[in-house]
Every structure is written in C-alpha cells, then in structure tokens.
C-alpha atoms as a PDB file:
ATOM      1  CA  MET A   1      -5.474 -17.794  -7.854  1.00  0.00           C
ATOM      2  CA  THR A   2      -3.850 -17.376  -4.888  1.00  0.00           C
ATOM      3  CA  LYS A   3      -4.636 -14.516  -2.406  1.00  0.00           C
ATOM      4  CA  ASN A   4      -0.868 -12.931  -2.718  1.00  0.00           C
ATOM      5  CA  LEU A   5      -1.479 -13.186  -6.558  1.00  0.00           C
ATOM      6  CA  ALA A   6      -4.758 -11.327  -6.352  1.00  0.00           C
ATOM      7  CA  ILE A   7      -3.325  -8.732  -3.947  1.00  0.00           C
ATOM      8  CA  GLY A   8      -0.287  -8.266  -6.708  1.00  0.00           C
ATOM      9  CA  GLN A   9      -2.422  -7.972  -9.399  1.00  0.00           C
ATOM     10  CA  ARG A  10      -4.295  -5.020  -7.599  1.00  0.00           C
ATOM     11  CA  ILE A  11      -1.263  -3.140  -6.778  1.00  0.00           C
ATOM     12  CA  ALA A  12      -0.375  -3.421 -10.332  1.00  0.00           C
ATOM     13  CA  ALA A  13      -3.717  -1.762 -11.258  1.00  0.00           C
ATOM     14  CA  VAL A  14      -2.936   0.870  -8.796  1.00  0.00           C
ATOM     15  CA  LEU A  15       0.410   1.572 -10.538  1.00  0.00           C
ATOM     16  CA  GLU A  16      -1.398   1.486 -13.821  1.00  0.00           C
ATOM     17  CA  ALA A  17      -3.809   3.707 -12.706  1.00  0.00           C
ATOM     18  CA  LEU A  18      -1.254   6.014 -11.447  1.00  0.00           C
ATOM     19  CA  GLU A  19       0.520   6.073 -14.724  1.00  0.00           C
ATOM     20  CA  LEU A  20       3.691   4.870 -13.024  1.00  0.00           C
ATOM     21  CA  ASN A  21       6.129   2.152 -13.868  1.00  0.00           C
ATOM     22  CA  GLN A  22       7.505   0.078 -11.300  1.00  0.00           C
ATOM     23  CA  SER A  23      10.933   1.976 -10.896  1.00  0.00           C
ATOM     24  CA  GLU A  24       8.989   5.332 -10.543  1.00  0.00           C
ATOM     25  CA  PHE A  25       6.939   3.731  -7.797  1.00  0.00           C
ATOM     26  CA  TYR A  26       9.917   2.167  -6.069  1.00  0.00           C
ATOM     27  CA  ALA A  27      11.759   5.756  -6.101  1.00  0.00           C
ATOM     28  CA  ARG A  28       8.879   7.487  -4.745  1.00  0.00           C
ATOM     29  CA  THR A  29       7.918   5.028  -2.027  1.00  0.00           C
ATOM     30  CA  LYS A  30      11.307   3.911  -1.111  1.00  0.00           C
ATOM     31  CA  ILE A  31      10.050   0.111  -1.056  1.00  0.00           C
ATOM     32  CA  ASN A  32      12.549  -2.427  -2.082  1.00  0.00           C
ATOM     33  CA  GLN A  33      12.257  -3.249  -5.706  1.00  0.00           C
ATOM     34  CA  SER A  34      12.695  -6.884  -5.566  1.00  0.00           C
ATOM     35  CA  GLN A  35      10.692  -7.359  -2.547  1.00  0.00           C
ATOM     36  CA  MET A  36       7.776  -5.449  -4.190  1.00  0.00           C
ATOM     37  CA  SER A  37       8.404  -7.363  -7.798  1.00  0.00           C
ATOM     38  CA  LYS A  38       7.622 -10.480  -5.706  1.00  0.00           C
ATOM     39  CA  VAL A  39       4.150  -9.014  -4.191  1.00  0.00           C
ATOM     40  CA  ILE A  40       3.157  -8.042  -7.541  1.00  0.00           C
ATOM     41  CA  ASN A  41       4.039 -11.752  -9.078  1.00  0.00           C
ATOM     42  CA  GLY A  42       2.242 -12.960  -5.963  1.00  0.00           C
ATOM     43  CA  ASN A  43       5.290 -14.681  -4.366  1.00  0.00           C
ATOM     44  CA  LYS A  44       5.292 -12.745  -1.320  1.00  0.00           C
ATOM     45  CA  GLN A  45       3.218 -11.557   1.182  1.00  0.00           C
ATOM     46  CA  PHE A  46       2.532  -7.679   1.255  1.00  0.00           C
ATOM     47  CA  SER A  47       3.980  -6.384   4.500  1.00  0.00           C
ATOM     48  CA  HIS A  48       2.858  -3.861   6.902  1.00  0.00           C
ATOM     49  CA  GLY A  49       6.259  -1.826   6.156  1.00  0.00           C
ATOM     50  CA  MET A  50       5.455  -1.782   2.473  1.00  0.00           C
ATOM     51  CA  ILE A  51       1.952  -0.878   3.173  1.00  0.00           C
ATOM     52  CA  GLU A  52       3.233   2.000   5.422  1.00  0.00           C
ATOM     53  CA  LYS A  53       5.651   3.362   2.843  1.00  0.00           C
ATOM     54  CA  MET A  54       2.824   3.050  -0.053  1.00  0.00           C
ATOM     55  CA  LEU A  55       0.360   5.036   2.042  1.00  0.00           C
ATOM     56  CA  SER A  56       2.920   7.448   3.359  1.00  0.00           C
ATOM     57  CA  VAL A  57       3.007   8.586  -0.496  1.00  0.00           C
ATOM     58  CA  TYR A  58      -0.301   7.496  -1.800  1.00  0.00           C
ATOM     59  CA  PRO A  59      -2.676   8.070   1.180  1.00  0.00           C
ATOM     60  CA  TYR A  60      -5.690   8.007  -1.205  1.00  0.00           C
ATOM     61  CA  ILE A  61      -5.181   4.439  -1.947  1.00  0.00           C
ATOM     62  CA  ASN A  62      -7.897   2.350  -0.734  1.00  0.00           C
ATOM     63  CA  ILE A  63      -5.689  -0.512   1.306  1.00  0.00           C
ATOM     64  CA  THR A  64      -9.052  -2.087   1.817  1.00  0.00           C
ATOM     65  CA  SER A  65      -9.631  -2.948  -1.899  1.00  0.00           C
ATOM     66  CA  ILE A  66      -6.085  -4.176  -2.284  1.00  0.00           C
ATOM     67  CA  PHE A  67      -6.348  -6.912   0.325  1.00  0.00           C
ATOM     68  CA  THR A  68     -10.278  -7.921  -0.344  1.00  0.00           C
ATOM     69  CA  GLY A  69     -10.858  -6.580  -4.065  1.00  0.00           C
ATOM     70  CA  ILE A  70     -13.945  -4.723  -2.713  1.00  0.00           C
ATOM     71  CA  GLY A  71     -14.553  -1.325  -3.458  1.00  0.00           C
ATOM     72  CA  PRO A  72     -12.451   1.277  -5.582  1.00  0.00           C
ATOM     73  CA  LEU A  73      -8.777   1.391  -5.541  1.00  0.00           C
ATOM     74  CA  PHE A  74      -8.982   5.177  -4.417  1.00  0.00           C
ATOM     75  CA  PHE A  75     -10.778   7.137  -2.061  1.00  0.00           C
ATOM     76  CA  THR A  76     -11.435   9.894  -5.070  1.00  0.00           C
ATOM     77  CA  ASP A  77     -12.581   9.441  -8.331  1.00  0.00           C
ATOM     78  CA  GLN A  78     -10.246  11.994  -9.703  1.00  0.00           C
ATOM     79  CA  TYR A  79      -7.056  10.169  -8.148  1.00  0.00           C
ATOM     80  CA  ASN A  80      -5.201  10.852 -11.791  1.00  0.00           C
ATOM     81  CA  GLN A  81      -5.612  14.515 -11.223  1.00  0.00           C
ATOM     82  CA  VAL A  82      -4.491  14.530  -7.754  1.00  0.00           C
ATOM     83  CA  GLU A  83      -0.700  15.643  -7.267  1.00  0.00           C
ATOM     84  CA  GLU A  84       0.644  14.079  -4.170  1.00  0.00           C
ATOM     85  CA  SER A  85       0.698  17.495  -2.228  1.00  0.00           C
ATOM     86  CA  GLN A  86      -2.962  17.606  -2.894  1.00  0.00           C
ATOM     87  CA  ALA A  87      -4.017  14.289  -1.846  1.00  0.00           C
ATOM     88  CA  PRO A  88      -7.468  13.969  -0.062  1.00  0.00           C
ATOM     89  CA  TYR A  89      -6.111  12.550   2.956  1.00  0.00           C
ATOM     90  CA  LYS A  90      -3.743  15.094   4.680  1.00  0.00           C
ATOM     91  CA  THR A  91      -1.472  13.432   7.425  1.00  0.00           C
ATOM     92  CA  ASP A  92      -3.683  15.675  10.021  1.00  0.00           C
ATOM     93  CA  ASP A  93      -6.771  14.165   8.736  1.00  0.00           C
ATOM     94  CA  PRO A  94      -8.308  11.731  11.244  1.00  0.00           C
ATOM     95  CA  LEU A  95      -8.956   8.738   8.993  1.00  0.00           C
ATOM     96  CA  PHE A  96      -5.041   8.948   7.912  1.00  0.00           C
ATOM     97  CA  ARG A  97      -4.092   8.940  11.491  1.00  0.00           C
ATOM     98  CA  ALA A  98      -6.137   6.278  12.368  1.00  0.00           C
ATOM     99  CA  ARG A  99      -5.073   4.154   9.745  1.00  0.00           C
ATOM    100  CA  HIS A 100      -1.095   5.156  10.588  1.00  0.00           C
ATOM    101  CA  HIS A 101      -2.029   4.010  14.139  1.00  0.00           C
ATOM    102  CA  LEU A 102      -3.284   0.871  12.930  1.00  0.00           C
ATOM    103  CA  LEU A 103      -0.257   0.205  10.683  1.00  0.00           C
ATOM    104  CA  ALA A 104       2.003   0.920  13.524  1.00  0.00           C
ATOM    105  CA  ALA A 105       0.083  -1.404  15.891  1.00  0.00           C
ATOM    106  CA  LEU A 106       0.173  -4.172  13.478  1.00  0.00           C
ATOM    107  CA  GLY A 107       3.981  -3.615  12.873  1.00  0.00           C
ATOM    108  CA  GLU A 108       4.486  -4.187  16.807  1.00  0.00           C
ATOM    109  CA  VAL A 109       2.550  -6.942  16.566  1.00  0.00           C
ATOM    110  CA  ASP A 110       4.467  -8.547  14.000  1.00  0.00           C
ATOM    111  CA  ALA A 111       7.555  -7.805  15.713  1.00  0.00           C
ATOM    112  CA  ALA A 112       6.285  -9.443  18.928  1.00  0.00           C
ATOM    113  CA  ILE A 113       5.142 -12.618  17.089  1.00  0.00           C
ATOM    114  CA  ALA A 114       8.939 -12.818  15.580  1.00  0.00           C
ATOM    115  CA  LYS A 115      10.498 -12.105  18.658  1.00  0.00           C
ATOM    116  CA  ASN A 116       8.177 -15.314  20.271  1.00  0.00           C
ATOM    117  CA  CYS A 117       9.275 -17.428  17.393  1.00  0.00           C
ATOM    118  CA  GLN A 118      12.828 -17.095  17.887  1.00  0.00           C
END
C-alpha cells in the first residue's frame, strides 16, 4: 500500500466516524471535491491547504494519526457527540494556535520551494 493511499483511507475513516458523506465534508471544509477525492483514492498528496481547511472546521482531528496511522483519529473519545461549535480545541487554545502556526509555516515553505523551482 502506498503512503498516499494509506492517508486517503484514514481520511475516509474520519468521514465515516463523523457520519459525513463526502459532499457534506466538502461543503463544510470548502475543500475542492475533485482534489480531495484524489487524496482519498491515493492519487494525490494531502496538501497543507487541505489540512488547514479541515482542521479549521474539525480541530479535534488528530492530523498526526492521519499521516502516520499512530494514535487515535480524534483527540476525544466522544468526537461523534461533539458539535463543531463545542470542539475540544478552541481557536484560543495554545495547541490549536501552535498547530495553526505550524501549518502556516509549512505553507510558506511550500511557496518558497515552488518559487525557487520556477
């Protein structure tokens, strides 16, 4: 199994656990449906932009688990009972802010690499 396919399968598991179909997930996260479908099928890498959009709506998803398969998919055992507005990590939470800053930094690195490759 390729790394991209494994990541895609874990994202599909998140959608299943949240009891969301792909259309609902795309509508809530504003992730391009075609691109995310390619990620779920293992044909595209999960981009930093997609990660940021997903975590902005579902901050209790354990992104480390998505990439490595290690640990729970969620930071709480009661994820299926949590409304988005009651997520365990609020935007003023230090962990959420740290993750947000890390993703922003990774996006800047990606942009710099892309600029240097042109």
